[in-house]
């Protein structure tokens, strides 16, 4: 269970950083992170970092696909996270 906890921490920090980097790249017009990567990281457990990154950086908040995927992942992943405690 401890390994799962560390994985969740790692994947969420990574997700948060990727949203921040993508927002920064969008502002200065350099190569962006693919949407597929951002969505997959949410699916694999980084939904909490994705939500924080989306709303802190105001990034991808108007895209219904991102909102839908993140809310769905949040609902699915909420139960296993509670059981880890």
PDB file of N, CA and C in Angstrom:
ATOM      1  N   UNK A   1       0.810  -1.198   0.000  1.00  0.00           N
ATOM      2  CA  UNK A   1       0.000   0.000   0.000  1.00  0.00           C
ATOM      3  C   UNK A   1       0.856   1.266   0.000  1.00  0.00           C
ATOM      4  N   UNK A   2       2.003   1.179   0.635  1.00  0.00           N
ATOM      5  CA  UNK A   2       2.885   2.343   0.684  1.00  0.00           C
ATOM      6  C   UNK A   2       3.373   2.706  -0.719  1.00  0.00           C
ATOM      7  N   UNK A   3       3.653   1.697  -1.536  1.00  0.00           N
ATOM      8  CA  UNK A   3       4.094   1.942  -2.909  1.00  0.00           C
ATOM      9  C   UNK A   3       3.004   2.651  -3.705  1.00  0.00           C
ATOM     10  N   UNK A   4       1.753   2.246  -3.518  1.00  0.00           N
ATOM     11  CA  UNK A   4       0.624   2.899  -4.187  1.00  0.00           C
ATOM     12  C   UNK A   4       0.539   4.370  -3.778  1.00  0.00           C
ATOM     13  N   UNK A   5       0.723   4.638  -2.509  1.00  0.00           N
ATOM     14  CA  UNK A   5       0.684   6.015  -2.016  1.00  0.00           C
ATOM     15  C   UNK A   5       1.781   6.860  -2.676  1.00  0.00           C
ATOM     16  N   UNK A   6       2.993   6.334  -2.745  1.00  0.00           N
ATOM     17  CA  UNK A   6       4.089   7.063  -3.390  1.00  0.00           C
ATOM     18  C   UNK A   6       3.836   7.262  -4.884  1.00  0.00           C
ATOM     19  N   UNK A   7       3.246   6.263  -5.516  1.00  0.00           N
ATOM     20  CA  UNK A   7       2.900   6.385  -6.932  1.00  0.00           C
ATOM     21  C   UNK A   7       1.897   7.522  -7.146  1.00  0.00           C
ATOM     22  N   UNK A   8       0.855   7.568  -6.313  1.00  0.00           N
ATOM     23  CA  UNK A   8      -0.161   8.617  -6.433  1.00  0.00           C
ATOM     24  C   UNK A   8       0.470   9.997  -6.233  1.00  0.00           C
ATOM     25  N   UNK A   9       1.337  10.132  -5.251  1.00  0.00           N
ATOM     26  CA  UNK A   9       2.024  11.415  -5.025  1.00  0.00           C
ATOM     27  C   UNK A   9       2.850  11.781  -6.254  1.00  0.00           C
ATOM     28  N   UNK A  10       3.645  10.851  -6.756  1.00  0.00           N
ATOM     29  CA  UNK A  10       4.512  11.113  -7.901  1.00  0.00           C
ATOM     30  C   UNK A  10       3.714  11.495  -9.142  1.00  0.00           C
ATOM     31  N   UNK A  11       2.693  10.720  -9.474  1.00  0.00           N
ATOM     32  CA  UNK A  11       1.940  10.951 -10.709  1.00  0.00           C
ATOM     33  C   UNK A  11       1.183  12.281 -10.644  1.00  0.00           C
ATOM     34  N   UNK A  12       0.737  12.675  -9.460  1.00  0.00           N
ATOM     35  CA  UNK A  12       0.027  13.943  -9.334  1.00  0.00           C
ATOM     36  C   UNK A  12       0.960  15.144  -9.402  1.00  0.00           C
ATOM     37  N   UNK A  13       2.139  15.017  -8.826  1.00  0.00           N
ATOM     38  CA  UNK A  13       3.136  16.093  -8.964  1.00  0.00           C
ATOM     39  C   UNK A  13       3.543  16.224 -10.429  1.00  0.00           C
ATOM     40  N   UNK A  14       3.762  15.098 -11.089  1.00  0.00           N
ATOM     41  CA  UNK A  14       4.101  15.115 -12.510  1.00  0.00           C
ATOM     42  C   UNK A  14       2.986  15.754 -13.338  1.00  0.00           C
ATOM     43  N   UNK A  15       1.758  15.397 -13.047  1.00  0.00           N
ATOM     44  CA  UNK A  15       0.616  15.959 -13.759  1.00  0.00           C
ATOM     45  C   UNK A  15       0.554  17.478 -13.585  1.00  0.00           C
ATOM     46  N   UNK A  16       0.716  17.931 -12.366  1.00  0.00           N
ATOM     47  CA  UNK A  16       0.704  19.366 -12.075  1.00  0.00           C
ATOM     48  C   UNK A  16       1.804  20.094 -12.851  1.00  0.00           C
ATOM     49  N   UNK A  17       2.993  19.533 -12.831  1.00  0.00           N
ATOM     50  CA  UNK A  17       4.126  20.157 -13.525  1.00  0.00           C
ATOM     51  C   UNK A  17       3.888  20.187 -15.037  1.00  0.00           C
ATOM     52  N   UNK A  18       3.343  19.109 -15.597  1.00  0.00           N
ATOM     53  CA  UNK A  18       3.082  19.073 -17.039  1.00  0.00           C
ATOM     54  C   UNK A  18       2.050  20.118 -17.454  1.00  0.00           C
ATOM     55  N   UNK A  19       1.011  20.319 -16.659  1.00  0.00           N
ATOM     56  CA  UNK A  19       0.033  21.365 -16.973  1.00  0.00           C
ATOM     57  C   UNK A  19       0.688  22.743 -16.917  1.00  0.00           C
ATOM     58  N   UNK A  20       1.544  22.951 -15.930  1.00  0.00           N
ATOM     59  CA  UNK A  20       2.256  24.219 -15.837  1.00  0.00           C
ATOM     60  C   UNK A  20       3.194  24.448 -17.009  1.00  0.00           C
ATOM     61  N   UNK A  21       3.932  23.415 -17.389  1.00  0.00           N
ATOM     62  CA  UNK A  21       4.844  23.532 -18.528  1.00  0.00           C
ATOM     63  C   UNK A  21       4.091  23.777 -19.832  1.00  0.00           C
ATOM     64  N   UNK A  22       2.953  23.116 -19.996  1.00  0.00           N
ATOM     65  CA  UNK A  22       2.171  23.307 -21.214  1.00  0.00           C
ATOM     66  C   UNK A  22       1.609  24.726 -21.283  1.00  0.00           C
ATOM     67  N   UNK A  23       1.186  25.242 -20.163  1.00  0.00           N
ATOM     68  CA  UNK A  23       0.678  26.620 -20.144  1.00  0.00           C
ATOM     69  C   UNK A  23       1.809  27.596 -20.471  1.00  0.00           C
ATOM     70  N   UNK A  24       2.982  27.362 -19.894  1.00  0.00           N
ATOM     71  CA  UNK A  24       4.136  28.208 -20.176  1.00  0.00           C
ATOM     72  C   UNK A  24       4.505  28.132 -21.653  1.00  0.00           C
ATOM     73  N   UNK A  25       4.500  26.926 -22.216  1.00  0.00           N
ATOM     74  CA  UNK A  25       4.819  26.751 -23.637  1.00  0.00           C
ATOM     75  C   UNK A  25       3.791  27.454 -24.515  1.00  0.00           C
ATOM     76  N   UNK A  26       2.542  27.435 -24.102  1.00  0.00           N
ATOM     77  CA  UNK A  26       1.492  28.108 -24.882  1.00  0.00           C
ATOM     78  C   UNK A  26       1.704  29.620 -24.891  1.00  0.00           C
ATOM     79  N   UNK A  27       2.149  30.150 -23.781  1.00  0.00           N
ATOM     80  CA  UNK A  27       2.349  31.601 -23.692  1.00  0.00           C
ATOM     81  C   UNK A  27       3.511  32.082 -24.542  1.00  0.00           C
ATOM     82  N   UNK A  28       4.576  31.289 -24.628  1.00  0.00           N
ATOM     83  CA  UNK A  28       5.749  31.764 -25.370  1.00  0.00           C
ATOM     84  C   UNK A  28       5.882  31.118 -26.745  1.00  0.00           C
ATOM     85  N   UNK A  29       4.846  30.411 -27.176  1.00  0.00           N
ATOM     86  CA  UNK A  29       4.795  29.817 -28.518  1.00  0.00           C
ATOM     87  C   UNK A  29       5.937  28.858 -28.818  1.00  0.00           C
ATOM     88  N   UNK A  30       6.154  27.909 -27.929  1.00  0.00           N
ATOM     89  CA  UNK A  30       7.113  26.848 -28.228  1.00  0.00           C
ATOM     90  C   UNK A  30       6.344  25.527 -28.265  1.00  0.00           C
ATOM     91  N   UNK A  31       7.065  24.453 -28.532  1.00  0.00           N
ATOM     92  CA  UNK A  31       6.433  23.141 -28.675  1.00  0.00           C
ATOM     93  C   UNK A  31       5.643  22.772 -27.418  1.00  0.00           C
ATOM     94  N   UNK A  32       4.413  22.302 -27.622  1.00  0.00           N
ATOM     95  CA  UNK A  32       3.485  22.016 -26.524  1.00  0.00           C
ATOM     96  C   UNK A  32       3.497  20.536 -26.170  1.00  0.00           C
ATOM     97  N   UNK A  33       2.958  20.243 -25.012  1.00  0.00           N
ATOM     98  CA  UNK A  33       2.749  18.860 -24.585  1.00  0.00           C
ATOM     99  C   UNK A  33       1.448  18.385 -25.227  1.00  0.00           C
ATOM    100  N   UNK A  34       1.455  17.196 -25.786  1.00  0.00           N
ATOM    101  CA  UNK A  34       0.265  16.688 -26.478  1.00  0.00           C
ATOM    102  C   UNK A  34      -0.886  16.507 -25.499  1.00  0.00           C
ATOM    103  N   UNK A  35      -2.093  16.796 -26.005  1.00  0.00           N
ATOM    104  CA  UNK A  35      -3.287  16.627 -25.174  1.00  0.00           C
ATOM    105  C   UNK A  35      -3.440  15.182 -24.726  1.00  0.00           C
ATOM    106  N   UNK A  36      -3.044  14.259 -25.579  1.00  0.00           N
ATOM    107  CA  UNK A  36      -3.130  12.841 -25.254  1.00  0.00           C
ATOM    108  C   UNK A  36      -2.296  12.522 -24.002  1.00  0.00           C
ATOM    109  N   UNK A  37      -1.145  13.148 -23.877  1.00  0.00           N
ATOM    110  CA  UNK A  37      -0.283  12.926 -22.713  1.00  0.00           C
ATOM    111  C   UNK A  37      -0.952  13.471 -21.454  1.00  0.00           C
ATOM    112  N   UNK A  38      -1.506  14.671 -21.544  1.00  0.00           N
ATOM    113  CA  UNK A  38      -2.162  15.273 -20.380  1.00  0.00           C
ATOM    114  C   UNK A  38      -3.372  14.451 -19.942  1.00  0.00           C
ATOM    115  N   UNK A  39      -4.136  13.957 -20.889  1.00  0.00           N
ATOM    116  CA  UNK A  39      -5.306  13.145 -20.546  1.00  0.00           C
ATOM    117  C   UNK A  39      -4.890  11.783 -19.981  1.00  0.00           C
ATOM    118  N   UNK A  40      -3.888  11.171 -20.576  1.00  0.00           N
ATOM    119  CA  UNK A  40      -3.445   9.858 -20.087  1.00  0.00           C
ATOM    120  C   UNK A  40      -2.887   9.928 -18.677  1.00  0.00           C
ATOM    121  N   UNK A  41      -2.202  11.002 -18.367  1.00  0.00           N
ATOM    122  CA  UNK A  41      -1.653  11.110 -17.012  1.00  0.00           C
ATOM    123  C   UNK A  41      -2.780  11.226 -15.981  1.00  0.00           C
ATOM    124  N   UNK A  42      -3.890  11.840 -16.371  1.00  0.00           N
ATOM    125  CA  UNK A  42      -5.057  11.885 -15.485  1.00  0.00           C
ATOM    126  C   UNK A  42      -5.659  10.505 -15.322  1.00  0.00           C
ATOM    127  N   UNK A  43      -5.758   9.779 -16.410  1.00  0.00           N
ATOM    128  CA  UNK A  43      -6.343   8.436 -16.378  1.00  0.00           C
ATOM    129  C   UNK A  43      -5.512   7.497 -15.507  1.00  0.00           C
ATOM    130  N   UNK A  44      -4.204   7.663 -15.511  1.00  0.00           N
ATOM    131  CA  UNK A  44      -3.331   6.784 -14.735  1.00  0.00           C
ATOM    132  C   UNK A  44      -3.094   7.261 -13.314  1.00  0.00           C
ATOM    133  N   UNK A  45      -3.934   8.174 -12.836  1.00  0.00           N
ATOM    134  CA  UNK A  45      -3.887   8.531 -11.421  1.00  0.00           C
ATOM    135  C   UNK A  45      -3.548   9.970 -11.110  1.00  0.00           C
ATOM    136  N   UNK A  46      -3.196  10.759 -12.095  1.00  0.00           N
ATOM    137  CA  UNK A  46      -2.785  12.132 -11.838  1.00  0.00           C
ATOM    138  C   UNK A  46      -3.895  13.153 -11.893  1.00  0.00           C
ATOM    139  N   UNK A  47      -5.098  12.729 -11.578  1.00  0.00           N
ATOM    140  CA  UNK A  47      -6.260  13.604 -11.721  1.00  0.00           C
ATOM    141  C   UNK A  47      -6.239  14.758 -10.717  1.00  0.00           C
ATOM    142  N   UNK A  48      -5.729  14.517  -9.517  1.00  0.00           N
ATOM    143  CA  UNK A  48      -5.712  15.584  -8.514  1.00  0.00           C
ATOM    144  C   UNK A  48      -4.744  16.701  -8.921  1.00  0.00           C
ATOM    145  N   UNK A  49      -3.564  16.309  -9.388  1.00  0.00           N
ATOM    146  CA  UNK A  49      -2.604  17.292  -9.888  1.00  0.00           C
ATOM    147  C   UNK A  49      -3.102  17.997 -11.127  1.00  0.00           C
ATOM    148  N   UNK A  50      -3.856  17.265 -11.959  1.00  0.00           N
ATOM    149  CA  UNK A  50      -4.424  17.863 -13.167  1.00  0.00           C
ATOM    150  C   UNK A  50      -5.442  18.939 -12.813  1.00  0.00           C
ATOM    151  N   UNK A  51      -6.325  18.640 -11.860  1.00  0.00           N
ATOM    152  CA  UNK A  51      -7.310  19.639 -11.436  1.00  0.00           C
ATOM    153  C   UNK A  51      -6.651  20.878 -10.863  1.00  0.00           C
ATOM    154  N   UNK A  52      -5.683  20.673 -10.003  1.00  0.00           N
ATOM    155  CA  UNK A  52      -4.999  21.825  -9.405  1.00  0.00           C
ATOM    156  C   UNK A  52      -4.286  22.625 -10.485  1.00  0.00           C
ATOM    157  N   UNK A  53      -3.599  21.928 -11.402  1.00  0.00           N
ATOM    158  CA  UNK A  53      -2.900  22.606 -12.490  1.00  0.00           C
ATOM    159  C   UNK A  53      -3.843  23.332 -13.434  1.00  0.00           C
ATOM    160  N   UNK A  54      -4.968  22.690 -13.750  1.00  0.00           N
ATOM    161  CA  UNK A  54      -5.939  23.323 -14.656  1.00  0.00           C
ATOM    162  C   UNK A  54      -6.438  24.647 -14.092  1.00  0.00           C
ATOM    163  N   UNK A  55      -6.795  24.631 -12.836  1.00  0.00           N
ATOM    164  CA  UNK A  55      -7.419  25.829 -12.274  1.00  0.00           C
ATOM    165  C   UNK A  55      -6.407  26.834 -11.742  1.00  0.00           C
ATOM    166  N   UNK A  56      -5.247  26.397 -11.313  1.00  0.00           N
ATOM    167  CA  UNK A  56      -4.219  27.336 -10.867  1.00  0.00           C
ATOM    168  C   UNK A  56      -3.601  28.079 -12.050  1.00  0.00           C
ATOM    169  N   UNK A  57      -3.343  27.337 -13.142  1.00  0.00           N
ATOM    170  CA  UNK A  57      -2.741  27.946 -14.330  1.00  0.00           C
ATOM    171  C   UNK A  57      -3.788  28.433 -15.336  1.00  0.00           C
ATOM    172  N   UNK A  58      -5.065  28.210 -15.055  1.00  0.00           N
ATOM    173  CA  UNK A  58      -6.160  28.550 -15.983  1.00  0.00           C
ATOM    174  C   UNK A  58      -5.883  27.949 -17.357  1.00  0.00           C
ATOM    175  N   UNK A  59      -5.651  26.650 -17.351  1.00  0.00           N
ATOM    176  CA  UNK A  59      -5.232  25.956 -18.561  1.00  0.00           C
ATOM    177  C   UNK A  59      -6.160  24.778 -18.846  1.00  0.00           C
ATOM    178  N   UNK A  60      -6.706  24.745 -20.039  1.00  0.00           N
ATOM    179  CA  UNK A  60      -7.612  23.688 -20.507  1.00  0.00           C
ATOM    180  C   UNK A  60      -8.933  23.676 -19.734  1.00  0.00           C
ATOM    181  N   UNK A  61      -9.294  24.768 -19.111  1.00  0.00           N
ATOM    182  CA  UNK A  61     -10.523  24.806 -18.310  1.00  0.00           C
ATOM    183  C   UNK A  61     -11.777  24.964 -19.161  1.00  0.00           C
ATOM    184  N   UNK A  62     -11.640  25.351 -20.412  1.00  0.00           N
ATOM    185  CA  UNK A  62     -12.798  25.497 -21.293  1.00  0.00           C
ATOM    186  C   UNK A  62     -13.025  24.268 -22.171  1.00  0.00           C
ATOM    187  N   UNK A  63     -12.093  23.350 -22.143  1.00  0.00           N
ATOM    188  CA  UNK A  63     -12.207  22.151 -22.987  1.00  0.00           C
ATOM    189  C   UNK A  63     -13.040  21.102 -22.255  1.00  0.00           C
ATOM    190  N   UNK A  64     -14.187  20.795 -22.850  1.00  0.00           N
ATOM    191  CA  UNK A  64     -15.116  19.852 -22.218  1.00  0.00           C
ATOM    192  C   UNK A  64     -14.506  18.462 -22.087  1.00  0.00           C
ATOM    193  N   UNK A  65     -13.661  18.064 -23.012  1.00  0.00           N
ATOM    194  CA  UNK A  65     -13.029  16.758 -22.937  1.00  0.00           C
ATOM    195  C   UNK A  65     -12.177  16.647 -21.673  1.00  0.00           C
ATOM    196  N   UNK A  66     -11.395  17.665 -21.380  1.00  0.00           N
ATOM    197  CA  UNK A  66     -10.536  17.639 -20.199  1.00  0.00           C
ATOM    198  C   UNK A  66     -11.367  17.641 -18.923  1.00  0.00           C
ATOM    199  N   UNK A  67     -12.391  18.446 -18.884  1.00  0.00           N
ATOM    200  CA  UNK A  67     -13.246  18.500 -17.700  1.00  0.00           C
ATOM    201  C   UNK A  67     -13.945  17.155 -17.498  1.00  0.00           C
ATOM    202  N   UNK A  68     -14.484  16.584 -18.564  1.00  0.00           N
ATOM    203  CA  UNK A  68     -15.173  15.304 -18.470  1.00  0.00           C
ATOM    204  C   UNK A  68     -14.271  14.170 -18.042  1.00  0.00           C
ATOM    205  N   UNK A  69     -13.110  14.079 -18.655  1.00  0.00           N
ATOM    206  CA  UNK A  69     -12.170  13.004 -18.314  1.00  0.00           C
ATOM    207  C   UNK A  69     -11.698  13.158 -16.871  1.00  0.00           C
ATOM    208  N   UNK A  70     -11.379  14.376 -16.469  1.00  0.00           N
ATOM    209  CA  UNK A  70     -10.873  14.574 -15.114  1.00  0.00           C
ATOM    210  C   UNK A  70     -11.937  14.303 -14.057  1.00  0.00           C
ATOM    211  N   UNK A  71     -13.163  14.732 -14.284  1.00  0.00           N
ATOM    212  CA  UNK A  71     -14.214  14.432 -13.310  1.00  0.00           C
ATOM    213  C   UNK A  71     -14.503  12.932 -13.244  1.00  0.00           C
ATOM    214  N   UNK A  72     -14.510  12.278 -14.380  1.00  0.00           N
ATOM    215  CA  UNK A  72     -14.737  10.832 -14.399  1.00  0.00           C
ATOM    216  C   UNK A  72     -13.620  10.099 -13.658  1.00  0.00           C
ATOM    217  N   UNK A  73     -12.389  10.476 -13.922  1.00  0.00           N
ATOM    218  CA  UNK A  73     -11.260   9.852 -13.234  1.00  0.00           C
ATOM    219  C   UNK A  73     -11.295  10.142 -11.738  1.00  0.00           C
ATOM    220  N   UNK A  74     -11.708  11.333 -11.378  1.00  0.00           N
ATOM    221  CA  UNK A  74     -11.814  11.690  -9.964  1.00  0.00           C
ATOM    222  C   UNK A  74     -12.802  10.770  -9.248  1.00  0.00           C
ATOM    223  N   UNK A  75     -13.935  10.550  -9.862  1.00  0.00           N
ATOM    224  CA  UNK A  75     -14.955   9.691  -9.254  1.00  0.00           C
ATOM    225  C   UNK A  75     -14.456   8.248  -9.148  1.00  0.00           C
ATOM    226  N   UNK A  76     -13.795   7.774 -10.193  1.00  0.00           N
ATOM    227  CA  UNK A  76     -13.304   6.393 -10.196  1.00  0.00           C
ATOM    228  C   UNK A  76     -12.152   6.209  -9.207  1.00  0.00           C
ATOM    229  N   UNK A  77     -11.229   7.171  -9.149  1.00  0.00           N
ATOM    230  CA  UNK A  77     -10.030   7.024  -8.319  1.00  0.00           C
ATOM    231  C   UNK A  77     -10.229   7.445  -6.865  1.00  0.00           C
ATOM    232  N   UNK A  78     -11.343   8.088  -6.566  1.00  0.00           N
ATOM    233  CA  UNK A  78     -11.579   8.543  -5.202  1.00  0.00           C
ATOM    234  C   UNK A  78     -11.697   7.365  -4.242  1.00  0.00           C
ATOM    235  N   UNK A  79     -12.395   6.324  -4.633  1.00  0.00           N
ATOM    236  CA  UNK A  79     -12.616   5.177  -3.752  1.00  0.00           C
ATOM    237  C   UNK A  79     -11.308   4.457  -3.393  1.00  0.00           C
ATOM    238  N   UNK A  80     -10.429   4.109  -4.342  1.00  0.00           N
ATOM    239  CA  UNK A  80      -9.186   3.444  -3.952  1.00  0.00           C
ATOM    240  C   UNK A  80      -8.294   4.309  -3.050  1.00  0.00           C
ATOM    241  N   UNK A  81      -8.315   5.610  -3.247  1.00  0.00           N
ATOM    242  CA  UNK A  81      -7.486   6.483  -2.427  1.00  0.00           C
ATOM    243  C   UNK A  81      -7.985   6.490  -0.996  1.00  0.00           C
ATOM    244  N   UNK A  82      -9.290   6.455  -0.801  1.00  0.00           N
ATOM    245  CA  UNK A  82      -9.857   6.418   0.548  1.00  0.00           C
ATOM    246  C   UNK A  82      -9.503   5.094   1.231  1.00  0.00           C
ATOM    247  N   UNK A  83      -9.488   4.014   0.483  1.00  0.00           N
ATOM    248  CA  UNK A  83      -9.198   2.700   1.058  1.00  0.00           C
ATOM    249  C   UNK A  83      -7.738   2.554   1.466  1.00  0.00           C
ATOM    250  N   UNK A  84      -6.834   3.375   0.913  1.00  0.00           N
ATOM    251  CA  UNK A  84      -5.421   3.286   1.261  1.00  0.00           C
ATOM    252  C   UNK A  84      -5.194   3.736   2.694  1.00  0.00           C
ATOM    253  N   UNK A  85      -5.979   4.686   3.161  1.00  0.00           N
ATOM    254  CA  UNK A  85      -5.813   5.193   4.518  1.00  0.00           C
ATOM    255  C   UNK A  85      -5.943   4.055   5.472  1.00  0.00           C
TER     256      UNK A  85
END
